[in-house]
Amino acid sequence: MSDISGYLYCPRICYFRLKFGGKINEVHAAKEIYTSRRAGFDDEWAKRKFLSLYGEENQEIFEIAAGKFIYSKSLEQLEQLDYGIVLESSRLRLKGKLDELIQLKGVRYPLILSSKAPEEGVWYRDRIKTAAFCMLLKDAGIVDTSSGLIYHCFDGELREVEIGRKDKYTVMRLVERVCKLKKGFIPEGVSDSRCTRCDYRRECSNEPVTFASRFL
């Protein structure tokens, strides 16, 4: 699922993650804080989990995330059914770990974690990620839903998103495009202000741009 999200942010980030592996960031830490607090544990417990998974060298990343993290009272209305659910479908060629499956007023929803919320609505990448999880949950026979919740860990915003047919079609197109990258196709990047914050700036500048990449 991270491949699809990465592709939406920048096709080349997806390419480099597939080639070199993903890098640890504050959202990884925020997820450990979230799951720990939902289970009734404190941030010290979350820190132990995070460092055991990602190494002591990433302690600063955890401290930064812990300083930004907001636990909203709105979460108290959500009944946790399960968390960290690994979902995979060979038919859809999709695989991902769902942050949480919750129940609200008798209805079950997938919940995913994000960083900060936009002024209105949700980020497009979060919408498409939610669509993918709705498809996986239906395929696994767990729940058939066209809605999901997104919790933005760094501003405490809980927002609902409705998924349509177009969103599901986008997921399938992205599956096709990521498959091309796995076969070695080098995509074109976004070339905007995001480049200055990118961990792969050096690698990206050394990769060739092909004519074909402009049509992916």
N, C-alpha and C. Protein backbone atom coordinates (compact mmCIF):
# COMPACT_ATOMS: atom_id res chain seq x y z
N MET A 1 0.83 -1.21 0.00
CA MET A 1 0.00 0.00 0.00
C MET A 1 0.87 1.27 0.00
N SER A 2 2.03 1.19 0.65
CA SER A 2 2.92 2.35 0.68
C SER A 2 3.43 2.68 -0.71
N ASP A 3 3.49 1.66 -1.60
CA ASP A 3 3.94 1.91 -2.97
C ASP A 3 2.96 2.83 -3.69
N ILE A 4 1.67 2.58 -3.51
CA ILE A 4 0.65 3.41 -4.14
C ILE A 4 0.69 4.84 -3.60
N SER A 5 0.80 4.96 -2.27
CA SER A 5 0.86 6.30 -1.66
C SER A 5 2.09 7.06 -2.14
N GLY A 6 3.22 6.35 -2.21
CA GLY A 6 4.45 6.98 -2.67
C GLY A 6 4.34 7.43 -4.11
N TYR A 7 3.70 6.62 -4.95
CA TYR A 7 3.55 6.97 -6.36
C TYR A 7 2.72 8.24 -6.52
N LEU A 8 1.67 8.36 -5.73
CA LEU A 8 0.82 9.55 -5.81
C LEU A 8 1.58 10.80 -5.40
N TYR A 9 2.48 10.67 -4.42
CA TYR A 9 3.27 11.82 -3.98
C TYR A 9 4.30 12.20 -5.05
N CYS A 10 4.99 11.17 -5.53
CA CYS A 10 5.97 11.37 -6.62
C CYS A 10 6.34 9.99 -7.16
N PRO A 11 6.16 9.74 -8.45
CA PRO A 11 6.50 8.43 -9.02
C PRO A 11 7.94 8.01 -8.75
N ARG A 12 8.85 8.97 -8.72
CA ARG A 12 10.25 8.60 -8.49
C ARG A 12 10.51 8.19 -7.04
N ILE A 13 9.77 8.77 -6.10
CA ILE A 13 9.91 8.32 -4.72
C ILE A 13 9.51 6.85 -4.62
N CYS A 14 8.44 6.48 -5.28
CA CYS A 14 8.01 5.09 -5.31
C CYS A 14 9.11 4.23 -5.92
N TYR A 15 9.68 4.68 -7.00
CA TYR A 15 10.75 3.94 -7.69
C TYR A 15 11.95 3.72 -6.76
N PHE A 16 12.37 4.78 -6.08
CA PHE A 16 13.55 4.66 -5.22
C PHE A 16 13.27 3.83 -3.97
N ARG A 17 12.07 3.89 -3.45
CA ARG A 17 11.71 3.04 -2.31
C ARG A 17 11.75 1.57 -2.70
N LEU A 18 11.28 1.27 -3.91
CA LEU A 18 11.34 -0.11 -4.39
C LEU A 18 12.79 -0.55 -4.61
N LYS A 19 13.62 0.39 -5.02
CA LYS A 19 15.01 0.07 -5.35
C LYS A 19 15.90 0.00 -4.10
N PHE A 20 15.73 0.94 -3.17
CA PHE A 20 16.62 1.04 -2.02
C PHE A 20 15.95 0.69 -0.68
N GLY A 21 14.61 0.61 -0.66
CA GLY A 21 13.90 0.42 0.60
C GLY A 21 13.46 1.76 1.16
N GLY A 22 12.37 1.78 1.90
CA GLY A 22 11.85 3.02 2.46
C GLY A 22 12.66 3.50 3.64
N LYS A 23 12.58 4.79 3.92
CA LYS A 23 13.28 5.38 5.05
C LYS A 23 12.31 5.68 6.18
N ILE A 24 12.82 5.57 7.40
CA ILE A 24 11.98 5.76 8.59
C ILE A 24 11.66 7.25 8.77
N ASN A 25 10.40 7.55 9.07
CA ASN A 25 10.01 8.94 9.28
C ASN A 25 9.10 9.07 10.50
N GLU A 26 8.62 10.29 10.72
CA GLU A 26 7.83 10.58 11.92
C GLU A 26 6.48 9.86 11.94
N VAL A 27 5.94 9.55 10.77
CA VAL A 27 4.65 8.86 10.74
C VAL A 27 4.79 7.44 11.28
N HIS A 28 5.94 6.79 11.02
CA HIS A 28 6.19 5.47 11.60
C HIS A 28 6.11 5.55 13.13
N ALA A 29 6.72 6.59 13.68
CA ALA A 29 6.69 6.76 15.13
C ALA A 29 5.29 7.09 15.63
N ALA A 30 4.59 7.95 14.89
CA ALA A 30 3.23 8.33 15.29
C ALA A 30 2.30 7.12 15.35
N LYS A 31 2.51 6.17 14.46
CA LYS A 31 1.66 4.97 14.46
C LYS A 31 1.87 4.15 15.73
N GLU A 32 3.12 4.07 16.19
CA GLU A 32 3.38 3.33 17.43
C GLU A 32 2.79 4.06 18.64
N ILE A 33 2.84 5.38 18.62
CA ILE A 33 2.23 6.17 19.70
C ILE A 33 0.72 5.97 19.70
N TYR A 34 0.13 6.02 18.52
CA TYR A 34 -1.32 5.87 18.40
C TYR A 34 -1.78 4.51 18.93
N THR A 35 -1.18 3.44 18.43
CA THR A 35 -1.62 2.11 18.84
C THR A 35 -1.38 1.87 20.33
N SER A 36 -0.30 2.42 20.86
CA SER A 36 -0.02 2.27 22.29
C SER A 36 -1.06 2.99 23.14
N ARG A 37 -1.38 4.22 22.77
CA ARG A 37 -2.37 4.98 23.54
C ARG A 37 -3.76 4.37 23.43
N ARG A 38 -4.10 3.85 22.25
CA ARG A 38 -5.40 3.19 22.08
C ARG A 38 -5.51 1.94 22.95
N ALA A 39 -4.35 1.33 23.24
CA ALA A 39 -4.34 0.13 24.07
C ALA A 39 -4.18 0.44 25.55
N GLY A 40 -4.06 1.75 25.88
CA GLY A 40 -3.95 2.15 27.28
C GLY A 40 -2.52 2.25 27.80
N PHE A 41 -1.54 2.25 26.88
CA PHE A 41 -0.14 2.38 27.28
C PHE A 41 0.35 3.81 27.03
N ASP A 42 1.49 4.15 27.63
CA ASP A 42 2.02 5.51 27.49
C ASP A 42 3.05 5.59 26.37
N ASP A 43 3.58 6.82 26.18
CA ASP A 43 4.53 7.04 25.09
C ASP A 43 5.86 6.33 25.32
N GLU A 44 6.20 6.07 26.57
CA GLU A 44 7.45 5.36 26.86
C GLU A 44 7.37 3.94 26.30
N TRP A 45 6.21 3.32 26.43
CA TRP A 45 6.00 1.99 25.86
C TRP A 45 6.08 2.06 24.33
N ALA A 46 5.46 3.09 23.76
CA ALA A 46 5.51 3.27 22.31
C ALA A 46 6.95 3.44 21.82
N LYS A 47 7.73 4.15 22.60
CA LYS A 47 9.13 4.37 22.25
C LYS A 47 9.91 3.07 22.24
N ARG A 48 9.67 2.23 23.23
CA ARG A 48 10.35 0.93 23.26
C ARG A 48 10.00 0.10 22.04
N LYS A 49 8.73 0.11 21.67
CA LYS A 49 8.31 -0.64 20.48
C LYS A 49 8.97 -0.08 19.23
N PHE A 50 8.94 1.23 19.10
CA PHE A 50 9.50 1.87 17.91
C PHE A 50 10.99 1.57 17.77
N LEU A 51 11.74 1.73 18.86
CA LEU A 51 13.19 1.50 18.80
C LEU A 51 13.53 0.03 18.57
N SER A 52 12.70 -0.86 19.09
CA SER A 52 12.96 -2.28 18.86
C SER A 52 12.72 -2.65 17.40
N LEU A 53 11.80 -1.94 16.75
CA LEU A 53 11.51 -2.19 15.34
C LEU A 53 12.51 -1.52 14.41
N TYR A 54 12.86 -0.27 14.72
CA TYR A 54 13.61 0.55 13.77
C TYR A 54 15.02 0.92 14.22
N GLY A 55 15.39 0.59 15.46
CA GLY A 55 16.76 0.83 15.89
C GLY A 55 16.93 2.10 16.72
N GLU A 56 17.90 2.03 17.63
CA GLU A 56 18.19 3.15 18.54
C GLU A 56 18.59 4.41 17.79
N GLU A 57 19.15 4.25 16.60
CA GLU A 57 19.61 5.42 15.84
C GLU A 57 18.46 6.32 15.40
N ASN A 58 17.23 5.83 15.52
CA ASN A 58 16.06 6.63 15.12
C ASN A 58 15.33 7.24 16.31
N GLN A 59 16.01 7.34 17.43
CA GLN A 59 15.37 7.89 18.64
C GLN A 59 14.93 9.34 18.44
N GLU A 60 15.74 10.12 17.75
CA GLU A 60 15.39 11.53 17.53
C GLU A 60 14.09 11.66 16.73
N ILE A 61 13.89 10.77 15.75
CA ILE A 61 12.66 10.78 14.97
C ILE A 61 11.46 10.56 15.88
N PHE A 62 11.60 9.62 16.81
CA PHE A 62 10.50 9.36 17.74
C PHE A 62 10.21 10.58 18.61
N GLU A 63 11.26 11.21 19.13
CA GLU A 63 11.08 12.37 20.01
C GLU A 63 10.36 13.51 19.30
N ILE A 64 10.71 13.72 18.04
CA ILE A 64 10.06 14.78 17.26
C ILE A 64 8.58 14.46 17.07
N ALA A 65 8.30 13.20 16.71
CA ALA A 65 6.90 12.78 16.50
C ALA A 65 6.09 12.88 17.78
N ALA A 66 6.69 12.48 18.90
CA ALA A 66 5.99 12.53 20.19
C ALA A 66 5.65 13.97 20.56
N GLY A 67 6.53 14.91 20.19
CA GLY A 67 6.27 16.31 20.49
C GLY A 67 5.14 16.89 19.67
N LYS A 68 4.90 16.33 18.49
CA LYS A 68 3.84 16.82 17.60
C LYS A 68 2.51 16.11 17.82
N PHE A 69 2.56 14.89 18.36
CA PHE A 69 1.39 14.02 18.41
C PHE A 69 0.27 14.60 19.27
N ILE A 70 -0.96 14.51 18.75
CA ILE A 70 -2.15 14.96 19.48
C ILE A 70 -3.14 13.81 19.55
N TYR A 71 -3.58 13.48 20.75
CA TYR A 71 -4.58 12.42 20.93
C TYR A 71 -5.92 13.07 21.22
N SER A 72 -6.81 13.03 20.24
CA SER A 72 -8.09 13.73 20.34
C SER A 72 -9.13 12.91 21.11
N LYS A 73 -9.98 13.61 21.83
CA LYS A 73 -11.07 12.95 22.54
C LYS A 73 -12.09 12.33 21.58
N SER A 74 -12.07 12.77 20.33
CA SER A 74 -13.00 12.22 19.34
C SER A 74 -12.75 10.73 19.12
N LEU A 75 -11.57 10.25 19.46
CA LEU A 75 -11.25 8.84 19.28
C LEU A 75 -11.99 7.95 20.27
N GLU A 76 -12.45 8.54 21.37
CA GLU A 76 -13.11 7.75 22.40
C GLU A 76 -14.44 7.17 21.93
N GLN A 77 -15.04 7.76 20.88
CA GLN A 77 -16.31 7.27 20.36
C GLN A 77 -16.12 6.07 19.42
N LEU A 78 -14.87 5.76 19.09
CA LEU A 78 -14.58 4.69 18.14
C LEU A 78 -14.25 3.40 18.88
N GLU A 79 -15.00 2.35 18.60
CA GLU A 79 -14.72 1.04 19.20
C GLU A 79 -13.70 0.32 18.34
N GLN A 80 -12.57 -0.01 18.92
CA GLN A 80 -11.53 -0.70 18.17
C GLN A 80 -11.87 -2.19 18.06
N LEU A 81 -11.96 -2.67 16.82
CA LEU A 81 -12.21 -4.09 16.58
C LEU A 81 -10.92 -4.86 16.36
N ASP A 82 -9.97 -4.24 15.68
CA ASP A 82 -8.66 -4.85 15.44
C ASP A 82 -7.72 -3.76 14.95
N TYR A 83 -6.42 -4.05 14.97
CA TYR A 83 -5.45 -3.06 14.47
C TYR A 83 -4.25 -3.79 13.88
N GLY A 84 -3.51 -3.08 13.02
CA GLY A 84 -2.36 -3.68 12.37
C GLY A 84 -2.72 -4.92 11.56
N ILE A 85 -3.85 -4.86 10.85
CA ILE A 85 -4.34 -6.02 10.11
C ILE A 85 -3.64 -6.10 8.74
N VAL A 86 -2.94 -7.19 8.49
CA VAL A 86 -2.30 -7.40 7.20
C VAL A 86 -3.32 -7.98 6.23
N LEU A 87 -3.57 -7.27 5.15
CA LEU A 87 -4.55 -7.68 4.14
C LEU A 87 -3.83 -7.87 2.81
N GLU A 88 -4.16 -8.95 2.13
CA GLU A 88 -3.52 -9.23 0.84
C GLU A 88 -4.51 -9.89 -0.10
N SER A 89 -4.48 -9.47 -1.35
CA SER A 89 -5.35 -10.05 -2.37
C SER A 89 -4.54 -10.28 -3.65
N SER A 90 -4.36 -11.54 -4.01
CA SER A 90 -3.66 -11.85 -5.26
C SER A 90 -4.52 -11.44 -6.45
N ARG A 91 -5.83 -11.47 -6.28
CA ARG A 91 -6.74 -11.07 -7.36
C ARG A 91 -6.60 -9.60 -7.69
N LEU A 92 -6.49 -8.77 -6.65
CA LEU A 92 -6.35 -7.32 -6.83
C LEU A 92 -4.89 -6.87 -6.95
N ARG A 93 -3.97 -7.79 -6.64
CA ARG A 93 -2.54 -7.47 -6.59
C ARG A 93 -2.26 -6.34 -5.61
N LEU A 94 -2.93 -6.42 -4.48
CA LEU A 94 -2.79 -5.42 -3.43
C LEU A 94 -2.39 -6.07 -2.12
N LYS A 95 -1.59 -5.37 -1.34
CA LYS A 95 -1.23 -5.82 0.00
C LYS A 95 -0.99 -4.59 0.86
N GLY A 96 -1.45 -4.64 2.11
CA GLY A 96 -1.23 -3.51 3.01
C GLY A 96 -1.58 -3.86 4.43
N LYS A 97 -1.08 -3.05 5.35
CA LYS A 97 -1.39 -3.22 6.77
C LYS A 97 -2.32 -2.09 7.18
N LEU A 98 -3.56 -2.46 7.52
CA LEU A 98 -4.55 -1.47 7.94
C LEU A 98 -4.27 -1.04 9.37
N ASP A 99 -4.23 0.27 9.59
CA ASP A 99 -3.90 0.78 10.93
C ASP A 99 -4.92 0.34 11.96
N GLU A 100 -6.21 0.43 11.61
CA GLU A 100 -7.24 0.07 12.60
C GLU A 100 -8.57 -0.23 11.89
N LEU A 101 -9.29 -1.20 12.42
CA LEU A 101 -10.67 -1.45 12.01
C LEU A 101 -11.54 -1.06 13.19
N ILE A 102 -12.45 -0.10 12.96
CA ILE A 102 -13.23 0.42 14.08
C ILE A 102 -14.73 0.26 13.82
N GLN A 103 -15.49 0.46 14.87
CA GLN A 103 -16.95 0.45 14.75
C GLN A 103 -17.50 1.71 15.38
N LEU A 104 -18.39 2.37 14.64
CA LEU A 104 -19.01 3.60 15.11
C LEU A 104 -20.51 3.51 14.85
N LYS A 105 -21.28 3.57 15.92
CA LYS A 105 -22.74 3.48 15.82
C LYS A 105 -23.18 2.23 15.04
N GLY A 106 -22.51 1.13 15.32
CA GLY A 106 -22.87 -0.15 14.72
C GLY A 106 -22.33 -0.39 13.33
N VAL A 107 -21.58 0.57 12.78
CA VAL A 107 -21.04 0.45 11.42
C VAL A 107 -19.52 0.33 11.50
N ARG A 108 -18.96 -0.61 10.72
CA ARG A 108 -17.52 -0.82 10.72
C ARG A 108 -16.84 -0.01 9.61
N TYR A 109 -15.68 0.56 9.95
CA TYR A 109 -14.92 1.37 9.01
C TYR A 109 -13.42 1.04 9.10
N PRO A 110 -12.70 1.18 7.99
CA PRO A 110 -11.24 1.19 8.08
C PRO A 110 -10.78 2.56 8.55
N LEU A 111 -9.76 2.60 9.37
CA LEU A 111 -9.18 3.87 9.81
C LEU A 111 -7.70 3.86 9.47
N ILE A 112 -7.25 4.90 8.81
CA ILE A 112 -5.82 5.04 8.51
C ILE A 112 -5.28 6.29 9.18
N LEU A 113 -3.99 6.26 9.45
CA LEU A 113 -3.33 7.39 10.10
C LEU A 113 -2.58 8.23 9.08
N SER A 114 -2.63 9.53 9.29
CA SER A 114 -1.93 10.47 8.42
C SER A 114 -1.23 11.49 9.31
N SER A 115 -0.52 12.42 8.72
CA SER A 115 0.23 13.41 9.51
C SER A 115 -0.63 14.62 9.83
N LYS A 116 -0.67 15.63 8.96
CA LYS A 116 -1.49 16.82 9.20
C LYS A 116 -2.60 16.89 8.17
N ALA A 117 -3.72 17.42 8.57
CA ALA A 117 -4.89 17.51 7.68
C ALA A 117 -4.80 18.75 6.79
N PRO A 118 -5.38 18.68 5.59
CA PRO A 118 -5.52 19.88 4.77
C PRO A 118 -6.59 20.78 5.38
N GLU A 119 -6.76 21.96 4.84
CA GLU A 119 -7.76 22.89 5.37
C GLU A 119 -9.16 22.30 5.29
N GLU A 120 -9.45 21.61 4.23
CA GLU A 120 -10.76 20.99 4.05
C GLU A 120 -10.58 19.57 3.50
N GLY A 121 -11.51 18.70 3.85
CA GLY A 121 -11.48 17.36 3.29
C GLY A 121 -10.27 16.55 3.72
N VAL A 122 -9.79 15.71 2.81
CA VAL A 122 -8.62 14.88 3.09
C VAL A 122 -7.66 14.96 1.91
N TRP A 123 -6.42 14.57 2.14
CA TRP A 123 -5.44 14.53 1.06
C TRP A 123 -5.86 13.46 0.05
N TYR A 124 -5.57 13.72 -1.21
CA TYR A 124 -5.96 12.77 -2.26
C TYR A 124 -5.30 11.42 -2.05
N ARG A 125 -4.04 11.42 -1.63
CA ARG A 125 -3.35 10.14 -1.41
C ARG A 125 -4.02 9.33 -0.29
N ASP A 126 -4.56 10.02 0.72
CA ASP A 126 -5.26 9.32 1.80
C ASP A 126 -6.60 8.77 1.31
N ARG A 127 -7.26 9.50 0.42
CA ARG A 127 -8.52 9.03 -0.17
C ARG A 127 -8.27 7.72 -0.94
N ILE A 128 -7.23 7.73 -1.77
CA ILE A 128 -6.94 6.56 -2.59
C ILE A 128 -6.48 5.39 -1.72
N LYS A 129 -5.71 5.67 -0.69
CA LYS A 129 -5.28 4.62 0.23
C LYS A 129 -6.49 4.01 0.93
N THR A 130 -7.44 4.84 1.34
CA THR A 130 -8.67 4.36 1.96
C THR A 130 -9.47 3.50 0.98
N ALA A 131 -9.54 3.93 -0.27
CA ALA A 131 -10.24 3.15 -1.29
C ALA A 131 -9.62 1.76 -1.43
N ALA A 132 -8.29 1.71 -1.42
CA ALA A 132 -7.60 0.43 -1.55
C ALA A 132 -7.93 -0.50 -0.38
N PHE A 133 -7.99 0.07 0.84
CA PHE A 133 -8.32 -0.76 2.00
C PHE A 133 -9.79 -1.21 1.97
N CYS A 134 -10.68 -0.37 1.49
CA CYS A 134 -12.07 -0.78 1.34
C CYS A 134 -12.17 -1.97 0.39
N MET A 135 -11.39 -1.93 -0.68
CA MET A 135 -11.38 -3.02 -1.64
C MET A 135 -10.81 -4.30 -1.03
N LEU A 136 -9.75 -4.17 -0.26
CA LEU A 136 -9.14 -5.33 0.38
C LEU A 136 -10.06 -5.95 1.44
N LEU A 137 -10.71 -5.10 2.22
CA LEU A 137 -11.63 -5.59 3.25
C LEU A 137 -12.81 -6.35 2.63
N LYS A 138 -13.32 -5.83 1.52
CA LYS A 138 -14.42 -6.51 0.84
C LYS A 138 -13.95 -7.83 0.26
N ASP A 139 -12.76 -7.82 -0.36
CA ASP A 139 -12.23 -9.03 -0.97
C ASP A 139 -11.98 -10.12 0.06
N ALA A 140 -11.61 -9.71 1.29
CA ALA A 140 -11.35 -10.67 2.36
C ALA A 140 -12.62 -11.11 3.07
N GLY A 141 -13.76 -10.51 2.72
CA GLY A 141 -15.03 -10.87 3.34
C GLY A 141 -15.18 -10.33 4.75
N ILE A 142 -14.42 -9.27 5.08
CA ILE A 142 -14.48 -8.71 6.43
C ILE A 142 -15.59 -7.68 6.56
N VAL A 143 -15.63 -6.74 5.63
CA VAL A 143 -16.66 -5.72 5.64
C VAL A 143 -16.76 -5.11 4.25
N ASP A 144 -17.97 -4.79 3.84
CA ASP A 144 -18.22 -4.14 2.55
C ASP A 144 -18.63 -2.71 2.84
N THR A 145 -17.72 -1.78 2.64
CA THR A 145 -17.99 -0.37 2.94
C THR A 145 -17.40 0.53 1.88
N SER A 146 -17.98 1.69 1.71
CA SER A 146 -17.46 2.71 0.79
C SER A 146 -17.09 3.97 1.55
N SER A 147 -16.79 3.81 2.85
CA SER A 147 -16.38 4.94 3.68
C SER A 147 -15.21 4.54 4.55
N GLY A 148 -14.43 5.52 4.94
CA GLY A 148 -13.33 5.27 5.85
C GLY A 148 -13.06 6.50 6.69
N LEU A 149 -12.28 6.32 7.75
CA LEU A 149 -11.90 7.42 8.62
C LEU A 149 -10.39 7.64 8.55
N ILE A 150 -10.02 8.89 8.63
CA ILE A 150 -8.60 9.25 8.63
C ILE A 150 -8.32 10.08 9.87
N TYR A 151 -7.34 9.62 10.67
CA TYR A 151 -6.95 10.38 11.85
C TYR A 151 -5.61 11.04 11.58
N HIS A 152 -5.59 12.35 11.69
CA HIS A 152 -4.37 13.12 11.43
C HIS A 152 -3.65 13.34 12.77
N CYS A 153 -2.57 12.60 12.95
CA CYS A 153 -1.91 12.51 14.26
C CYS A 153 -1.31 13.82 14.76
N PHE A 154 -0.93 14.71 13.85
CA PHE A 154 -0.22 15.91 14.27
C PHE A 154 -1.09 17.15 14.41
N ASP A 155 -2.41 16.99 14.22
CA ASP A 155 -3.32 18.08 14.57
C ASP A 155 -4.62 17.58 15.17
N GLY A 156 -4.73 16.28 15.39
CA GLY A 156 -5.89 15.72 16.09
C GLY A 156 -7.19 15.75 15.33
N GLU A 157 -7.12 15.83 14.00
CA GLU A 157 -8.32 15.90 13.17
C GLU A 157 -8.76 14.50 12.74
N LEU A 158 -10.01 14.16 13.03
CA LEU A 158 -10.60 12.90 12.58
C LEU A 158 -11.62 13.23 11.49
N ARG A 159 -11.40 12.70 10.29
CA ARG A 159 -12.28 13.03 9.17
C ARG A 159 -12.73 11.77 8.43
N GLU A 160 -13.97 11.82 7.95
CA GLU A 160 -14.53 10.71 7.18
C GLU A 160 -14.40 10.99 5.69
N VAL A 161 -14.20 9.96 4.91
CA VAL A 161 -14.11 10.12 3.47
C VAL A 161 -14.99 9.07 2.80
N GLU A 162 -15.74 9.52 1.79
CA GLU A 162 -16.60 8.62 1.00
C GLU A 162 -15.84 8.22 -0.26
N ILE A 163 -15.87 6.92 -0.54
CA ILE A 163 -15.13 6.38 -1.67
C ILE A 163 -16.09 6.06 -2.82
N GLY A 164 -15.70 6.47 -4.03
CA GLY A 164 -16.53 6.21 -5.20
C GLY A 164 -15.87 5.26 -6.18
N ARG A 165 -16.60 4.95 -7.26
CA ARG A 165 -16.09 4.05 -8.29
C ARG A 165 -14.81 4.58 -8.93
N LYS A 166 -14.75 5.88 -9.12
CA LYS A 166 -13.56 6.49 -9.73
C LYS A 166 -12.33 6.27 -8.86
N ASP A 167 -12.48 6.34 -7.54
CA ASP A 167 -11.35 6.13 -6.64
C ASP A 167 -10.83 4.69 -6.76
N LYS A 168 -11.75 3.73 -6.84
CA LYS A 168 -11.35 2.33 -6.96
C LYS A 168 -10.66 2.07 -8.30
N TYR A 169 -11.14 2.74 -9.34
CA TYR A 169 -10.50 2.61 -10.65
C TYR A 169 -9.07 3.17 -10.60
N THR A 170 -8.90 4.28 -9.89
CA THR A 170 -7.56 4.86 -9.73
C THR A 170 -6.62 3.90 -9.04
N VAL A 171 -7.13 3.19 -8.03
CA VAL A 171 -6.30 2.19 -7.33
C VAL A 171 -5.79 1.16 -8.33
N MET A 172 -6.67 0.65 -9.19
CA MET A 172 -6.26 -0.38 -10.14
C MET A 172 -5.25 0.15 -11.15
N ARG A 173 -5.41 1.39 -11.56
CA ARG A 173 -4.43 1.99 -12.48
C ARG A 173 -3.08 2.14 -11.82
N LEU A 174 -3.09 2.50 -10.54
CA LEU A 174 -1.83 2.64 -9.81
C LEU A 174 -1.14 1.30 -9.61
N VAL A 175 -1.93 0.25 -9.41
CA VAL A 175 -1.35 -1.10 -9.32
C VAL A 175 -0.58 -1.40 -10.60
N GLU A 176 -1.16 -1.08 -11.74
CA GLU A 176 -0.51 -1.32 -13.03
C GLU A 176 0.79 -0.53 -13.15
N ARG A 177 0.75 0.72 -12.70
CA ARG A 177 1.93 1.57 -12.84
C ARG A 177 3.06 1.14 -11.90
N VAL A 178 2.71 0.76 -10.68
CA VAL A 178 3.73 0.28 -9.74
C VAL A 178 4.36 -1.01 -10.25
N CYS A 179 3.56 -1.86 -10.88
CA CYS A 179 4.09 -3.10 -11.46
C CYS A 179 5.14 -2.79 -12.52
N LYS A 180 4.94 -1.74 -13.30
CA LYS A 180 5.92 -1.35 -14.29
C LYS A 180 7.24 -0.94 -13.63
N LEU A 181 7.13 -0.23 -12.49
CA LEU A 181 8.34 0.19 -11.79
C LEU A 181 9.11 -1.02 -11.25
N LYS A 182 8.37 -2.01 -10.78
CA LYS A 182 9.00 -3.22 -10.24
C LYS A 182 9.77 -3.97 -11.33
N LYS A 183 9.39 -3.74 -12.58
CA LYS A 183 10.08 -4.37 -13.71
C LYS A 183 11.27 -3.56 -14.18
N GLY A 184 11.51 -2.41 -13.51
CA GLY A 184 12.70 -1.61 -13.84
C GLY A 184 12.44 -0.33 -14.59
N PHE A 185 11.18 -0.01 -14.86
CA PHE A 185 10.88 1.23 -15.57
C PHE A 185 11.20 2.43 -14.69
N ILE A 186 11.88 3.42 -15.23
CA ILE A 186 12.25 4.62 -14.48
C ILE A 186 11.28 5.75 -14.81
N PRO A 187 10.47 6.19 -13.85
CA PRO A 187 9.48 7.23 -14.13
C PRO A 187 10.07 8.63 -14.04
N GLU A 188 9.32 9.58 -14.49
CA GLU A 188 9.71 10.99 -14.35
C GLU A 188 9.21 11.49 -13.00
N GLY A 189 9.97 12.41 -12.38
CA GLY A 189 9.59 12.96 -11.08
C GLY A 189 8.66 14.15 -11.20
N VAL A 190 8.34 14.75 -10.05
CA VAL A 190 7.41 15.88 -10.05
C VAL A 190 8.10 17.22 -10.30
N SER A 191 9.36 17.35 -9.90
CA SER A 191 10.14 18.57 -10.12
C SER A 191 9.45 19.83 -9.60
N ASP A 192 9.23 19.89 -8.27
CA ASP A 192 8.69 21.10 -7.67
C ASP A 192 9.30 21.27 -6.28
N SER A 193 8.67 22.07 -5.43
CA SER A 193 9.25 22.39 -4.12
C SER A 193 9.45 21.17 -3.23
N ARG A 194 8.72 20.08 -3.50
CA ARG A 194 8.89 18.87 -2.70
C ARG A 194 10.30 18.30 -2.83
N CYS A 195 10.95 18.59 -3.95
CA CYS A 195 12.29 18.04 -4.20
C CYS A 195 13.30 18.47 -3.14
N THR A 196 13.15 19.68 -2.59
CA THR A 196 14.11 20.18 -1.61
C THR A 196 14.03 19.41 -0.30
N ARG A 197 12.89 18.73 -0.04
CA ARG A 197 12.71 17.96 1.20
C ARG A 197 12.91 16.46 1.00
N CYS A 198 13.22 16.06 -0.22
CA CYS A 198 13.26 14.65 -0.56
C CYS A 198 14.56 13.98 -0.13
N ASP A 199 14.44 12.78 0.44
CA ASP A 199 15.61 12.01 0.87
C ASP A 199 16.39 11.44 -0.31
N TYR A 200 15.78 11.45 -1.49
CA TYR A 200 16.42 10.83 -2.65
C TYR A 200 16.90 11.86 -3.67
N ARG A 201 17.15 13.08 -3.23
CA ARG A 201 17.55 14.15 -4.16
C ARG A 201 18.77 13.76 -4.99
N ARG A 202 19.79 13.25 -4.32
CA ARG A 202 21.04 12.91 -5.02
C ARG A 202 20.82 11.79 -6.02
N GLU A 203 20.14 10.73 -5.59
CA GLU A 203 19.90 9.61 -6.49
C GLU A 203 19.06 10.03 -7.69
N CYS A 204 18.09 10.90 -7.44
CA CYS A 204 17.18 11.33 -8.50
C CYS A 204 17.93 12.12 -9.57
N SER A 205 18.85 12.98 -9.15
CA SER A 205 19.59 13.79 -10.11
C SER A 205 20.51 12.95 -10.99
N ASN A 206 20.84 11.74 -10.52
CA ASN A 206 21.74 10.88 -11.28
C ASN A 206 21.01 9.89 -12.19
N GLU A 207 19.67 9.82 -12.03
CA GLU A 207 18.90 8.90 -12.86
C GLU A 207 18.51 9.57 -14.18
N PRO A 208 18.60 8.85 -15.28
CA PRO A 208 18.22 9.44 -16.58
C PRO A 208 16.71 9.61 -16.70
N VAL A 209 16.31 10.56 -17.51
CA VAL A 209 14.90 10.74 -17.85
C VAL A 209 14.71 10.24 -19.28
N THR A 210 13.84 9.29 -19.46
CA THR A 210 13.60 8.73 -20.78
C THR A 210 12.35 9.34 -21.40
N PHE A 211 12.26 9.28 -22.69
CA PHE A 211 11.07 9.79 -23.37
C PHE A 211 9.82 9.05 -22.91
N ALA A 212 9.93 7.72 -22.74
CA ALA A 212 8.77 6.91 -22.36
C ALA A 212 8.25 7.27 -20.99
N SER A 213 9.14 7.77 -20.09
CA SER A 213 8.72 8.06 -18.72
C SER A 213 7.67 9.18 -18.67
N ARG A 214 7.66 10.00 -19.70
CA ARG A 214 6.71 11.13 -19.71
C ARG A 214 5.27 10.67 -19.94
N PHE A 215 5.09 9.42 -20.27
CA PHE A 215 3.75 8.92 -20.59
C PHE A 215 3.23 7.93 -19.55
N LEU A 216 3.95 7.78 -18.42
CA LEU A 216 3.48 6.89 -17.34
C LEU A 216 2.67 7.66 -16.32
